[in-house]
C-alpha cells in the first residue's frame, strides 16, 4: 500500500474538502475518536483511463476495442487536536 501523508493549515480544510468533492470523491464513512474526526473520501465512479502499453499491441485487438483501466482512489482526511512540533 502506498501512502502520502500531508499536514495542512486548518484554514485550508474547507478548500481541500471542496476540491476532493469536485474531483469526483464522496464521503463514504465518517469516524470520531479521541478528539479526532475523520472522513473517508472515495472515488465511487472514476473515469476509465488508457493503458500505457496498449499502443504497442494495438493491432493485437482484432475488434478495434482496446481495454482501459479503472483506477480507484481515496483520501482519509483526519482533523482535530492541534499537533505541536517540538
Protein backbone atom coordinates (compact mmCIF):
# COMPACT_ATOMS: atom_id res chain seq x y z
CA UNK A 1 0.00 0.00 0.00
CA UNK A 2 1.27 3.45 -0.91
CA UNK A 3 0.52 6.32 1.50
CA UNK A 4 1.02 10.04 1.12
CA UNK A 5 0.69 11.94 4.39
CA UNK A 6 0.41 15.73 4.46
CA UNK A 7 -0.18 18.33 7.13
CA UNK A 8 -2.14 21.39 6.03
CA UNK A 9 -3.23 24.53 7.88
CA UNK A 10 -6.70 24.28 9.41
CA UNK A 11 -7.68 27.33 7.37
CA UNK A 12 -7.22 25.24 4.17
CA UNK A 13 -9.50 22.40 5.31
CA UNK A 14 -12.74 23.59 3.66
CA UNK A 15 -10.96 24.29 0.38
CA UNK A 16 -9.48 20.78 0.39
CA UNK A 17 -12.88 19.22 1.09
CA UNK A 18 -14.36 21.19 -1.83
CA UNK A 19 -11.52 20.07 -4.12
CA UNK A 20 -11.98 16.40 -3.15
CA UNK A 21 -15.70 16.61 -3.88
CA UNK A 22 -15.09 18.42 -7.19
CA UNK A 23 -12.69 15.64 -8.25
CA UNK A 24 -15.49 13.06 -8.03
CA UNK A 25 -14.95 11.81 -4.50
CA UNK A 26 -17.74 11.16 -1.99
CA UNK A 27 -17.57 10.77 1.79
CA UNK A 28 -18.49 7.13 2.36
CA UNK A 29 -17.55 6.90 6.06
CA UNK A 30 -17.13 9.31 8.97
CA UNK A 31 -15.35 8.41 12.21
CA UNK A 32 -14.62 10.12 15.50
CA UNK A 33 -12.14 9.03 18.16
CA UNK A 34 -10.12 10.65 20.95
CA UNK A 35 -10.74 14.23 19.81
CA UNK A 36 -10.12 13.43 16.14
CA UNK A 37 -12.66 13.46 13.36
CA UNK A 38 -12.15 11.78 10.02
CA UNK A 39 -13.88 11.46 6.69
CA UNK A 40 -13.07 8.76 4.17
CA UNK A 41 -13.42 10.13 0.63
CA UNK A 42 -13.64 7.58 -2.20
CA UNK A 43 -13.82 7.85 -5.97
CA UNK A 44 -17.09 6.00 -6.45
CA UNK A 45 -17.13 6.33 -10.27
CA UNK A 46 -13.62 7.01 -11.60
CA UNK A 47 -13.17 7.73 -15.29
CA UNK A 48 -11.57 4.94 -17.36
CA UNK A 49 -8.00 5.73 -18.40
CA UNK A 50 -5.84 4.42 -21.23
CA UNK A 51 -3.41 1.60 -20.54
CA UNK A 52 0.08 2.98 -21.39
CA UNK A 53 1.49 -0.16 -23.06
CA UNK A 54 -1.60 -0.89 -25.20
CA UNK A 55 -0.41 1.28 -28.10
CA UNK A 56 2.48 -1.14 -28.76
CA UNK A 57 -0.01 -4.01 -29.14
CA UNK A 58 -2.98 -2.17 -30.64
CA UNK A 59 -3.07 -4.44 -33.72
CA UNK A 60 -3.50 -7.50 -31.46
CA UNK A 61 -7.00 -6.33 -30.60
CA UNK A 62 -8.92 -7.50 -33.67
CA UNK A 63 -12.22 -5.86 -32.83
CA UNK A 64 -10.53 -2.45 -32.51
CA UNK A 65 -11.63 -2.08 -28.91
CA UNK A 66 -8.73 -1.67 -26.52
CA UNK A 67 -9.05 -2.17 -22.78
CA UNK A 68 -8.92 0.67 -20.27
CA UNK A 69 -8.09 0.74 -16.59
CA UNK A 70 -10.30 1.94 -13.80
CA UNK A 71 -8.18 3.46 -11.05
CA UNK A 72 -9.99 3.99 -7.78
CA UNK A 73 -8.50 6.45 -5.32
CA UNK A 74 -9.25 7.58 -1.78
CA UNK A 75 -8.39 10.10 0.90
CA UNK A 76 -8.72 9.73 4.64
CA UNK A 77 -8.98 13.28 5.94
CA UNK A 78 -8.31 13.49 9.67
CA UNK A 79 -8.55 16.67 11.71
CA UNK A 80 -8.97 17.72 15.29
CA UNK A 81 -6.35 18.04 18.00
CA UNK A 82 -3.61 20.55 17.17
CA UNK A 83 -0.16 18.99 16.90
CA UNK A 84 2.68 20.97 18.45
CA UNK A 85 6.06 20.15 16.97
CA UNK A 86 8.97 20.45 19.36
